[in-house]
Amino acid sequence: MQFFIPFAASEAQAQRILKRISDNLRAYGYPLNQGFFYQVSYLFEGAVVSDTVGEASCQNNEIVLAIFRQSEEYLICTYSRGVTWGTPMVAQCKDVQLATAFNSE
């Protein structure tokens, strides 16, 4: 899957949105040094669930706009969790069953 940001009308707009998300997460102390992901399946409240960029999150039913990876966790960002305010939803790496990165092409 080629990298994209949902609802972005152009590559330039996608880059501006990505910068805003990154700046917000860094303000909360997340270093964001391990790339962007398209999808992550993980254990949540006793069941394996999946969050995918461009689809509704299983945790808050908002569209997932970005997923980042850190050394110990995946950061799942929706409008009200990590994009415009607040911290992202977190999936611990130990709970992740499958993660799909965006293509680097």
PDB file of N, CA and C in Angstrom:
ATOM      1  N   MET A   1       0.840  -1.174   0.000  1.00  0.00           N
ATOM      2  CA  MET A   1       0.000   0.000   0.000  1.00  0.00           C
ATOM      3  C   MET A   1       0.883   1.235   0.000  1.00  0.00           C
ATOM      4  N   GLN A   2       0.581   2.150  -0.893  1.00  0.00           N
ATOM      5  CA  GLN A   2       1.312   3.412  -0.984  1.00  0.00           C
ATOM      6  C   GLN A   2       0.844   4.360   0.124  1.00  0.00           C
ATOM      7  N   PHE A   3       1.750   5.076   0.739  1.00  0.00           N
ATOM      8  CA  PHE A   3       1.433   5.990   1.833  1.00  0.00           C
ATOM      9  C   PHE A   3       0.379   7.016   1.417  1.00  0.00           C
ATOM     10  N   PHE A   4      -0.577   7.262   2.309  1.00  0.00           N
ATOM     11  CA  PHE A   4      -1.570   8.312   2.100  1.00  0.00           C
ATOM     12  C   PHE A   4      -2.099   8.775   3.458  1.00  0.00           C
ATOM     13  N   ILE A   5      -2.699   9.949   3.462  1.00  0.00           N
ATOM     14  CA  ILE A   5      -3.417  10.477   4.612  1.00  0.00           C
ATOM     15  C   ILE A   5      -4.870  10.625   4.169  1.00  0.00           C
ATOM     16  N   PRO A   6      -5.811   9.975   4.847  1.00  0.00           N
ATOM     17  CA  PRO A   6      -7.216  10.092   4.455  1.00  0.00           C
ATOM     18  C   PRO A   6      -7.682  11.552   4.413  1.00  0.00           C
ATOM     19  N   PHE A   7      -8.501  11.848   3.446  1.00  0.00           N
ATOM     20  CA  PHE A   7      -9.121  13.159   3.253  1.00  0.00           C
ATOM     21  C   PHE A   7      -8.174  14.223   2.697  1.00  0.00           C
ATOM     22  N   ALA A   8      -6.911  13.932   2.532  1.00  0.00           N
ATOM     23  CA  ALA A   8      -5.988  14.906   1.947  1.00  0.00           C
ATOM     24  C   ALA A   8      -6.256  14.995   0.450  1.00  0.00           C
ATOM     25  N   ALA A   9      -6.408  16.225  -0.041  1.00  0.00           N
ATOM     26  CA  ALA A   9      -6.734  16.442  -1.446  1.00  0.00           C
ATOM     27  C   ALA A   9      -5.496  16.435  -2.345  1.00  0.00           C
ATOM     28  N   SER A  10      -4.318  16.558  -1.751  1.00  0.00           N
ATOM     29  CA  SER A  10      -3.085  16.583  -2.540  1.00  0.00           C
ATOM     30  C   SER A  10      -1.935  16.062  -1.687  1.00  0.00           C
ATOM     31  N   GLU A  11      -0.840  15.779  -2.339  1.00  0.00           N
ATOM     32  CA  GLU A  11       0.361  15.342  -1.621  1.00  0.00           C
ATOM     33  C   GLU A  11       0.843  16.437  -0.670  1.00  0.00           C
ATOM     34  N   ALA A  12       0.770  17.688  -1.111  1.00  0.00           N
ATOM     35  CA  ALA A  12       1.198  18.800  -0.254  1.00  0.00           C
ATOM     36  C   ALA A  12       0.334  18.882   0.997  1.00  0.00           C
ATOM     37  N   GLN A  13      -0.969  18.721   0.839  1.00  0.00           N
ATOM     38  CA  GLN A  13      -1.852  18.760   1.994  1.00  0.00           C
ATOM     39  C   GLN A  13      -1.576  17.564   2.916  1.00  0.00           C
ATOM     40  N   ALA A  14      -1.337  16.407   2.348  1.00  0.00           N
ATOM     41  CA  ALA A  14      -1.010  15.221   3.154  1.00  0.00           C
ATOM     42  C   ALA A  14       0.244  15.470   3.977  1.00  0.00           C
ATOM     43  N   GLN A  15       1.242  16.088   3.395  1.00  0.00           N
ATOM     44  CA  GLN A  15       2.483  16.380   4.120  1.00  0.00           C
ATOM     45  C   GLN A  15       2.252  17.388   5.247  1.00  0.00           C
ATOM     46  N   ARG A  16       1.380  18.380   5.019  1.00  0.00           N
ATOM     47  CA  ARG A  16       1.059  19.348   6.075  1.00  0.00           C
ATOM     48  C   ARG A  16       0.328  18.664   7.229  1.00  0.00           C
ATOM     49  N   ILE A  17      -0.608  17.777   6.913  1.00  0.00           N
ATOM     50  CA  ILE A  17      -1.341  17.053   7.948  1.00  0.00           C
ATOM     51  C   ILE A  17      -0.394  16.147   8.718  1.00  0.00           C
ATOM     52  N   LEU A  18       0.479  15.444   8.008  1.00  0.00           N
ATOM     53  CA  LEU A  18       1.454  14.566   8.652  1.00  0.00           C
ATOM     54  C   LEU A  18       2.360  15.358   9.596  1.00  0.00           C
ATOM     55  N   LYS A  19       2.782  16.538   9.165  1.00  0.00           N
ATOM     56  CA  LYS A  19       3.619  17.387  10.025  1.00  0.00           C
ATOM     57  C   LYS A  19       2.852  17.818  11.274  1.00  0.00           C
ATOM     58  N   ARG A  20       1.594  18.165  11.105  1.00  0.00           N
ATOM     59  CA  ARG A  20       0.787  18.575  12.264  1.00  0.00           C
ATOM     60  C   ARG A  20       0.643  17.421  13.253  1.00  0.00           C
ATOM     61  N   ILE A  21       0.375  16.237  12.757  1.00  0.00           N
ATOM     62  CA  ILE A  21       0.254  15.070  13.627  1.00  0.00           C
ATOM     63  C   ILE A  21       1.585  14.806  14.333  1.00  0.00           C
ATOM     64  N   SER A  22       2.669  14.814  13.563  1.00  0.00           N
ATOM     65  CA  SER A  22       4.003  14.560  14.129  1.00  0.00           C
ATOM     66  C   SER A  22       4.359  15.585  15.195  1.00  0.00           C
ATOM     67  N   ASP A  23       4.091  16.855  14.916  1.00  0.00           N
ATOM     68  CA  ASP A  23       4.384  17.914  15.893  1.00  0.00           C
ATOM     69  C   ASP A  23       3.583  17.712  17.169  1.00  0.00           C
ATOM     70  N   ASN A  24       2.305  17.356  17.030  1.00  0.00           N
ATOM     71  CA  ASN A  24       1.461  17.126  18.204  1.00  0.00           C
ATOM     72  C   ASN A  24       1.993  15.958  19.034  1.00  0.00           C
ATOM     73  N   LEU A  25       2.358  14.870  18.368  1.00  0.00           N
ATOM     74  CA  LEU A  25       2.862  13.706  19.096  1.00  0.00           C
ATOM     75  C   LEU A  25       4.201  13.995  19.772  1.00  0.00           C
ATOM     76  N   ARG A  26       5.065  14.713  19.087  1.00  0.00           N
ATOM     77  CA  ARG A  26       6.357  15.070  19.691  1.00  0.00           C
ATOM     78  C   ARG A  26       6.157  15.950  20.922  1.00  0.00           C
ATOM     79  N   ALA A  27       5.138  16.825  20.876  1.00  0.00           N
ATOM     80  CA  ALA A  27       4.840  17.677  22.031  1.00  0.00           C
ATOM     81  C   ALA A  27       4.455  16.837  23.252  1.00  0.00           C
ATOM     82  N   TYR A  28       3.910  15.652  23.018  1.00  0.00           N
ATOM     83  CA  TYR A  28       3.574  14.733  24.103  1.00  0.00           C
ATOM     84  C   TYR A  28       4.734  13.800  24.448  1.00  0.00           C
ATOM     85  N   GLY A  29       5.870  13.978  23.798  1.00  0.00           N
ATOM     86  CA  GLY A  29       7.064  13.207  24.138  1.00  0.00           C
ATOM     87  C   GLY A  29       7.296  11.938  23.335  1.00  0.00           C
ATOM     88  N   TYR A  30       6.572  11.752  22.236  1.00  0.00           N
ATOM     89  CA  TYR A  30       6.781  10.582  21.382  1.00  0.00           C
ATOM     90  C   TYR A  30       7.844  10.911  20.329  1.00  0.00           C
ATOM     91  N   PRO A  31       8.942  10.132  20.232  1.00  0.00           N
ATOM     92  CA  PRO A  31      10.022  10.463  19.295  1.00  0.00           C
ATOM     93  C   PRO A  31       9.735  10.166  17.827  1.00  0.00           C
ATOM     94  N   LEU A  32       8.811   9.275  17.510  1.00  0.00           N
ATOM     95  CA  LEU A  32       8.424   8.966  16.123  1.00  0.00           C
ATOM     96  C   LEU A  32       9.606   8.620  15.235  1.00  0.00           C
ATOM     97  N   ASN A  33      10.301   7.568  15.565  1.00  0.00           N
ATOM     98  CA  ASN A  33      11.511   7.242  14.826  1.00  0.00           C
ATOM     99  C   ASN A  33      11.473   5.904  14.093  1.00  0.00           C
ATOM    100  N   GLN A  34      10.304   5.252  14.006  1.00  0.00           N
ATOM    101  CA  GLN A  34      10.309   3.926  13.395  1.00  0.00           C
ATOM    102  C   GLN A  34       9.313   3.750  12.265  1.00  0.00           C
ATOM    103  N   GLY A  35       8.864   4.804  11.651  1.00  0.00           N
ATOM    104  CA  GLY A  35       8.079   4.680  10.434  1.00  0.00           C
ATOM    105  C   GLY A  35       6.574   4.741  10.572  1.00  0.00           C
ATOM    106  N   PHE A  36       5.924   4.687   9.403  1.00  0.00           N
ATOM    107  CA  PHE A  36       4.479   4.791   9.284  1.00  0.00           C
ATOM    108  C   PHE A  36       3.903   3.438   8.884  1.00  0.00           C
ATOM    109  N   PHE A  37       2.762   3.123   9.425  1.00  0.00           N
ATOM    110  CA  PHE A  37       2.137   1.841   9.158  1.00  0.00           C
ATOM    111  C   PHE A  37       0.733   2.022   8.604  1.00  0.00           C
ATOM    112  N   TYR A  38       0.354   1.080   7.762  1.00  0.00           N
ATOM    113  CA  TYR A  38      -0.971   1.080   7.144  1.00  0.00           C
ATOM    114  C   TYR A  38      -1.992   0.390   8.048  1.00  0.00           C
ATOM    115  N   GLN A  39      -1.582  -0.689   8.689  1.00  0.00           N
ATOM    116  CA  GLN A  39      -2.521  -1.490   9.467  1.00  0.00           C
ATOM    117  C   GLN A  39      -1.799  -2.164  10.622  1.00  0.00           C
ATOM    118  N   VAL A  40      -2.514  -2.333  11.734  1.00  0.00           N
ATOM    119  CA  VAL A  40      -1.971  -3.058  12.875  1.00  0.00           C
ATOM    120  C   VAL A  40      -3.102  -3.872  13.517  1.00  0.00           C
ATOM    121  N   SER A  41      -2.818  -5.162  13.764  1.00  0.00           N
ATOM    122  CA  SER A  41      -3.753  -6.053  14.460  1.00  0.00           C
ATOM    123  C   SER A  41      -3.148  -6.353  15.824  1.00  0.00           C
ATOM    124  N   TYR A  42      -3.962  -6.213  16.862  1.00  0.00           N
ATOM    125  CA  TYR A  42      -3.429  -6.329  18.211  1.00  0.00           C
ATOM    126  C   TYR A  42      -4.514  -6.785  19.184  1.00  0.00           C
ATOM    127  N   LEU A  43      -4.056  -7.217  20.341  1.00  0.00           N
ATOM    128  CA  LEU A  43      -4.949  -7.654  21.395  1.00  0.00           C
ATOM    129  C   LEU A  43      -5.498  -6.421  22.112  1.00  0.00           C
ATOM    130  N   PHE A  44      -6.830  -6.321  22.163  1.00  0.00           N
ATOM    131  CA  PHE A  44      -7.495  -5.191  22.813  1.00  0.00           C
ATOM    132  C   PHE A  44      -8.705  -5.724  23.575  1.00  0.00           C
ATOM    133  N   GLU A  45      -8.682  -5.552  24.878  1.00  0.00           N
ATOM    134  CA  GLU A  45      -9.769  -6.008  25.746  1.00  0.00           C
ATOM    135  C   GLU A  45     -10.113  -7.479  25.506  1.00  0.00           C
ATOM    136  N   GLY A  46      -9.072  -8.298  25.359  1.00  0.00           N
ATOM    137  CA  GLY A  46      -9.244  -9.738  25.249  1.00  0.00           C
ATOM    138  C   GLY A  46      -9.524 -10.288  23.862  1.00  0.00           C
ATOM    139  N   ALA A  47      -9.569  -9.423  22.858  1.00  0.00           N
ATOM    140  CA  ALA A  47      -9.827  -9.876  21.482  1.00  0.00           C
ATOM    141  C   ALA A  47      -8.797  -9.265  20.544  1.00  0.00           C
ATOM    142  N   VAL A  48      -8.511  -9.957  19.447  1.00  0.00           N
ATOM    143  CA  VAL A  48      -7.623  -9.398  18.430  1.00  0.00           C
ATOM    144  C   VAL A  48      -8.460  -8.508  17.520  1.00  0.00           C
ATOM    145  N   VAL A  49      -8.048  -7.256  17.395  1.00  0.00           N
ATOM    146  CA  VAL A  49      -8.729  -6.269  16.563  1.00  0.00           C
ATOM    147  C   VAL A  49      -7.726  -5.665  15.595  1.00  0.00           C
ATOM    148  N   SER A  50      -8.229  -4.980  14.583  1.00  0.00           N
ATOM    149  CA  SER A  50      -7.347  -4.329  13.612  1.00  0.00           C
ATOM    150  C   SER A  50      -7.749  -2.878  13.441  1.00  0.00           C
ATOM    151  N   ASP A  51      -6.750  -2.022  13.357  1.00  0.00           N
ATOM    152  CA  ASP A  51      -6.952  -0.626  12.979  1.00  0.00           C
ATOM    153  C   ASP A  51      -6.190  -0.403  11.688  1.00  0.00           C
ATOM    154  N   THR A  52      -6.857   0.269  10.738  1.00  0.00           N
ATOM    155  CA  THR A  52      -6.310   0.489   9.403  1.00  0.00           C
ATOM    156  C   THR A  52      -6.472   1.949   9.025  1.00  0.00           C
ATOM    157  N   VAL A  53      -5.438   2.548   8.466  1.00  0.00           N
ATOM    158  CA  VAL A  53      -5.524   3.929   8.000  1.00  0.00           C
ATOM    159  C   VAL A  53      -6.655   4.037   6.977  1.00  0.00           C
ATOM    160  N   GLY A  54      -7.530   5.022   7.190  1.00  0.00           N
ATOM    161  CA  GLY A  54      -8.658   5.257   6.292  1.00  0.00           C
ATOM    162  C   GLY A  54      -9.936   4.571   6.714  1.00  0.00           C
ATOM    163  N   GLU A  55      -9.875   3.772   7.779  1.00  0.00           N
ATOM    164  CA  GLU A  55     -11.058   3.063   8.272  1.00  0.00           C
ATOM    165  C   GLU A  55     -11.331   3.450   9.719  1.00  0.00           C
ATOM    166  N   ALA A  56     -12.533   3.163  10.199  1.00  0.00           N
ATOM    167  CA  ALA A  56     -12.915   3.477  11.577  1.00  0.00           C
ATOM    168  C   ALA A  56     -12.101   2.640  12.557  1.00  0.00           C
ATOM    169  N   SER A  57     -11.624   3.292  13.603  1.00  0.00           N
ATOM    170  CA  SER A  57     -10.861   2.601  14.640  1.00  0.00           C
ATOM    171  C   SER A  57     -11.782   1.729  15.480  1.00  0.00           C
ATOM    172  N   CYS A  58     -11.263   0.595  15.885  1.00  0.00           N
ATOM    173  CA  CYS A  58     -12.029  -0.303  16.757  1.00  0.00           C
ATOM    174  C   CYS A  58     -12.161   0.278  18.161  1.00  0.00           C
ATOM    175  N   GLN A  59     -11.311   1.239  18.517  1.00  0.00           N
ATOM    176  CA  GLN A  59     -11.343   1.788  19.871  1.00  0.00           C
ATOM    177  C   GLN A  59     -12.301   2.965  20.025  1.00  0.00           C
ATOM    178  N   ASN A  60     -12.382   3.847  19.029  1.00  0.00           N
ATOM    179  CA  ASN A  60     -13.246   5.021  19.195  1.00  0.00           C
ATOM    180  C   ASN A  60     -14.133   5.314  17.986  1.00  0.00           C
ATOM    181  N   ASN A  61     -14.111   4.463  16.990  1.00  0.00           N
ATOM    182  CA  ASN A  61     -14.960   4.565  15.802  1.00  0.00           C
ATOM    183  C   ASN A  61     -14.687   5.800  14.942  1.00  0.00           C
ATOM    184  N   GLU A  62     -13.577   6.477  15.152  1.00  0.00           N
ATOM    185  CA  GLU A  62     -13.160   7.580  14.289  1.00  0.00           C
ATOM    186  C   GLU A  62     -12.224   7.019  13.216  1.00  0.00           C
ATOM    187  N   ILE A  63     -12.130   7.731  12.092  1.00  0.00           N
ATOM    188  CA  ILE A  63     -11.235   7.316  11.012  1.00  0.00           C
ATOM    189  C   ILE A  63      -9.781   7.405  11.482  1.00  0.00           C
ATOM    190  N   VAL A  64      -9.034   6.330  11.257  1.00  0.00           N
ATOM    191  CA  VAL A  64      -7.604   6.319  11.570  1.00  0.00           C
ATOM    192  C   VAL A  64      -6.883   7.137  10.492  1.00  0.00           C
ATOM    193  N   LEU A  65      -6.164   8.164  10.931  1.00  0.00           N
ATOM    194  CA  LEU A  65      -5.449   9.034  10.000  1.00  0.00           C
ATOM    195  C   LEU A  65      -3.986   8.668   9.861  1.00  0.00           C
ATOM    196  N   ALA A  66      -3.414   8.067  10.890  1.00  0.00           N
ATOM    197  CA  ALA A  66      -1.999   7.685  10.823  1.00  0.00           C
ATOM    198  C   ALA A  66      -1.695   6.659  11.916  1.00  0.00           C
ATOM    199  N   ILE A  67      -0.733   5.790  11.630  1.00  0.00           N
ATOM    200  CA  ILE A  67      -0.217   4.843  12.617  1.00  0.00           C
ATOM    201  C   ILE A  67       1.306   4.940  12.573  1.00  0.00           C
ATOM    202  N   PHE A  68       1.897   5.205  13.726  1.00  0.00           N
ATOM    203  CA  PHE A  68       3.342   5.308  13.856  1.00  0.00           C
ATOM    204  C   PHE A  68       3.830   4.166  14.733  1.00  0.00           C
ATOM    205  N   ARG A  69       5.113   3.843  14.596  1.00  0.00           N
ATOM    206  CA  ARG A  69       5.715   2.819  15.457  1.00  0.00           C
ATOM    207  C   ARG A  69       6.853   3.428  16.234  1.00  0.00           C
ATOM    208  N   GLN A  70       6.903   3.067  17.494  1.00  0.00           N
ATOM    209  CA  GLN A  70       8.033   3.366  18.357  1.00  0.00           C
ATOM    210  C   GLN A  70       8.623   2.034  18.779  1.00  0.00           C
ATOM    211  N   SER A  71       9.653   2.060  19.565  1.00  0.00           N
ATOM    212  CA  SER A  71      10.321   0.811  19.923  1.00  0.00           C
ATOM    213  C   SER A  71       9.412  -0.170  20.652  1.00  0.00           C
ATOM    214  N   GLU A  72       8.517   0.285  21.494  1.00  0.00           N
ATOM    215  CA  GLU A  72       7.692  -0.617  22.300  1.00  0.00           C
ATOM    216  C   GLU A  72       6.200  -0.531  22.008  1.00  0.00           C
ATOM    217  N   GLU A  73       5.784   0.365  21.095  1.00  0.00           N
ATOM    218  CA  GLU A  73       4.357   0.544  20.881  1.00  0.00           C
ATOM    219  C   GLU A  73       4.040   1.145  19.518  1.00  0.00           C
ATOM    220  N   TYR A  74       2.808   0.926  19.103  1.00  0.00           N
ATOM    221  CA  TYR A  74       2.265   1.559  17.909  1.00  0.00           C
ATOM    222  C   TYR A  74       1.328   2.666  18.374  1.00  0.00           C
ATOM    223  N   LEU A  75       1.376   3.803  17.706  1.00  0.00           N
ATOM    224  CA  LEU A  75       0.544   4.953  18.035  1.00  0.00           C
ATOM    225  C   LEU A  75      -0.523   5.086  16.960  1.00  0.00           C
ATOM    226  N   ILE A  76      -1.765   4.932  17.336  1.00  0.00           N
ATOM    227  CA  ILE A  76      -2.891   4.954  16.405  1.00  0.00           C
ATOM    228  C   ILE A  76      -3.574   6.313  16.559  1.00  0.00           C
ATOM    229  N   CYS A  77      -3.571   7.101  15.488  1.00  0.00           N
ATOM    230  CA  CYS A  77      -4.030   8.478  15.554  1.00  0.00           C
ATOM    231  C   CYS A  77      -5.347   8.698  14.808  1.00  0.00           C
ATOM    232  N   THR A  78      -6.308   9.258  15.520  1.00  0.00           N
ATOM    233  CA  THR A  78      -7.566   9.695  14.935  1.00  0.00           C
ATOM    234  C   THR A  78      -7.712  11.180  15.243  1.00  0.00           C
ATOM    235  N   TYR A  79      -8.755  11.792  14.716  1.00  0.00           N
ATOM    236  CA  TYR A  79      -8.947  13.238  14.890  1.00  0.00           C
ATOM    237  C   TYR A  79      -8.816  13.667  16.352  1.00  0.00           C
ATOM    238  N   SER A  80      -9.517  12.990  17.260  1.00  0.00           N
ATOM    239  CA  SER A  80      -9.500  13.409  18.664  1.00  0.00           C
ATOM    240  C   SER A  80      -8.460  12.686  19.509  1.00  0.00           C
ATOM    241  N   ARG A  81      -7.708  11.796  18.900  1.00  0.00           N
ATOM    242  CA  ARG A  81      -6.674  11.064  19.632  1.00  0.00           C
ATOM    243  C   ARG A  81      -5.354  11.147  18.875  1.00  0.00           C
ATOM    244  N   GLY A  82      -4.635  12.251  19.111  1.00  0.00           N
ATOM    245  CA  GLY A  82      -3.305  12.378  18.545  1.00  0.00           C
ATOM    246  C   GLY A  82      -3.182  13.318  17.358  1.00  0.00           C
ATOM    247  N   VAL A  83      -4.311  13.675  16.730  1.00  0.00           N
ATOM    248  CA  VAL A  83      -4.219  14.562  15.564  1.00  0.00           C
ATOM    249  C   VAL A  83      -4.424  16.006  15.976  1.00  0.00           C
ATOM    250  N   THR A  84      -5.574  16.358  16.511  1.00  0.00           N
ATOM    251  CA  THR A  84      -5.834  17.754  16.873  1.00  0.00           C
ATOM    252  C   THR A  84      -5.575  18.040  18.342  1.00  0.00           C
ATOM    253  N   TRP A  85      -5.728  17.030  19.188  1.00  0.00           N
ATOM    254  CA  TRP A  85      -5.424  17.178  20.601  1.00  0.00           C
ATOM    255  C   TRP A  85      -5.304  15.787  21.209  1.00  0.00           C
ATOM    256  N   GLY A  86      -4.864  15.754  22.431  1.00  0.00           N
ATOM    257  CA  GLY A  86      -4.788  14.484  23.137  1.00  0.00           C
ATOM    258  C   GLY A  86      -3.709  13.540  22.639  1.00  0.00           C
ATOM    259  N   THR A  87      -3.576  12.474  23.388  1.00  0.00           N
ATOM    260  CA  THR A  87      -2.590  11.459  23.050  1.00  0.00           C
ATOM    261  C   THR A  87      -3.215  10.402  22.144  1.00  0.00           C
ATOM    262  N   PRO A  88      -2.392   9.723  21.370  1.00  0.00           N
ATOM    263  CA  PRO A  88      -2.923   8.681  20.479  1.00  0.00           C
ATOM    264  C   PRO A  88      -3.342   7.445  21.265  1.00  0.00           C
ATOM    265  N   MET A  89      -4.083   6.589  20.615  1.00  0.00           N
ATOM    266  CA  MET A  89      -4.365   5.274  21.176  1.00  0.00           C
ATOM    267  C   MET A  89      -3.087   4.457  21.002  1.00  0.00           C
ATOM    268  N   VAL A  90      -2.836   3.539  21.915  1.00  0.00           N
ATOM    269  CA  VAL A  90      -1.570   2.809  21.920  1.00  0.00           C
ATOM    270  C   VAL A  90      -1.828   1.311  21.864  1.00  0.00           C
ATOM    271  N   ALA A  91      -1.070   0.644  21.013  1.00  0.00           N
ATOM    272  CA  ALA A  91      -1.034  -0.822  20.993  1.00  0.00           C
ATOM    273  C   ALA A  91       0.398  -1.225  21.334  1.00  0.00           C
ATOM    274  N   GLN A  92       0.561  -1.924  22.430  1.00  0.00           N
ATOM    275  CA  GLN A  92       1.894  -2.368  22.837  1.00  0.00           C
ATOM    276  C   GLN A  92       2.413  -3.414  21.849  1.00  0.00           C
ATOM    277  N   CYS A  93       3.682  -3.335  21.499  1.00  0.00           N
ATOM    278  CA  CYS A  93       4.278  -4.290  20.546  1.00  0.00           C
ATOM    279  C   CYS A  93       4.076  -5.733  20.991  1.00  0.00           C
ATOM    280  N   LYS A  94       4.115  -5.992  22.288  1.00  0.00           N
ATOM    281  CA  LYS A  94       3.927  -7.355  22.781  1.00  0.00           C
ATOM    282  C   LYS A  94       2.531  -7.885  22.473  1.00  0.00           C
ATOM    283  N   ASP A  95       1.559  -6.984  22.227  1.00  0.00           N
ATOM    284  CA  ASP A  95       0.181  -7.384  21.934  1.00  0.00           C
ATOM    285  C   ASP A  95      -0.126  -7.412  20.436  1.00  0.00           C
ATOM    286  N   VAL A  96       0.831  -6.976  19.622  1.00  0.00           N
ATOM    287  CA  VAL A  96       0.595  -6.887  18.176  1.00  0.00           C
ATOM    288  C   VAL A  96       0.770  -8.259  17.525  1.00  0.00           C
ATOM    289  N   GLN A  97      -0.227  -8.646  16.763  1.00  0.00           N
ATOM    290  CA  GLN A  97      -0.213  -9.913  16.032  1.00  0.00           C
ATOM    291  C   GLN A  97       0.367  -9.733  14.632  1.00  0.00           C
ATOM    292  N   LEU A  98       0.038  -8.589  14.000  1.00  0.00           N
ATOM    293  CA  LEU A  98       0.469  -8.313  12.631  1.00  0.00           C
ATOM    294  C   LEU A  98       0.498  -6.807  12.425  1.00  0.00           C
ATOM    295  N   ALA A  99       1.514  -6.333  11.737  1.00  0.00           N
ATOM    296  CA  ALA A  99       1.602  -4.927  11.376  1.00  0.00           C
ATOM    297  C   ALA A  99       2.060  -4.830   9.936  1.00  0.00           C
ATOM    298  N   THR A 100       1.398  -3.973   9.167  1.00  0.00           N
ATOM    299  CA  THR A 100       1.718  -3.803   7.757  1.00  0.00           C
ATOM    300  C   THR A 100       2.188  -2.371   7.528  1.00  0.00           C
ATOM    301  N   ALA A 101       3.437  -2.226   7.114  1.00  0.00           N
ATOM    302  CA  ALA A 101       3.986  -0.900   6.843  1.00  0.00           C
ATOM    303  C   ALA A 101       3.562  -0.435   5.453  1.00  0.00           C
ATOM    304  N   PHE A 102       3.549   0.875   5.275  1.00  0.00           N
ATOM    305  CA  PHE A 102       3.359   1.418   3.942  1.00  0.00           C
ATOM    306  C   PHE A 102       4.562   1.068   3.083  1.00  0.00           C
ATOM    307  N   ASN A 103       4.373   0.921   1.790  1.00  0.00           N
ATOM    308  CA  ASN A 103       5.490   0.717   0.866  1.00  0.00           C
ATOM    309  C   ASN A 103       6.393   1.930   0.911  1.00  0.00           C
ATOM    310  N   SER A 104       7.668   1.708   0.716  1.00  0.00           N
ATOM    311  CA  SER A 104       8.619   2.815   0.711  1.00  0.00           C
ATOM    312  C   SER A 104       8.828   3.376  -0.687  1.00  0.00           C
ATOM    313  N   GLU A 105       8.120   2.840  -1.663  1.00  0.00           N
ATOM    314  CA  GLU A 105       8.292   3.282  -3.062  1.00  0.00           C
ATOM    315  C   GLU A 105       7.676   4.641  -3.290  1.00  0.00           C
TER     316      GLU A 105
END
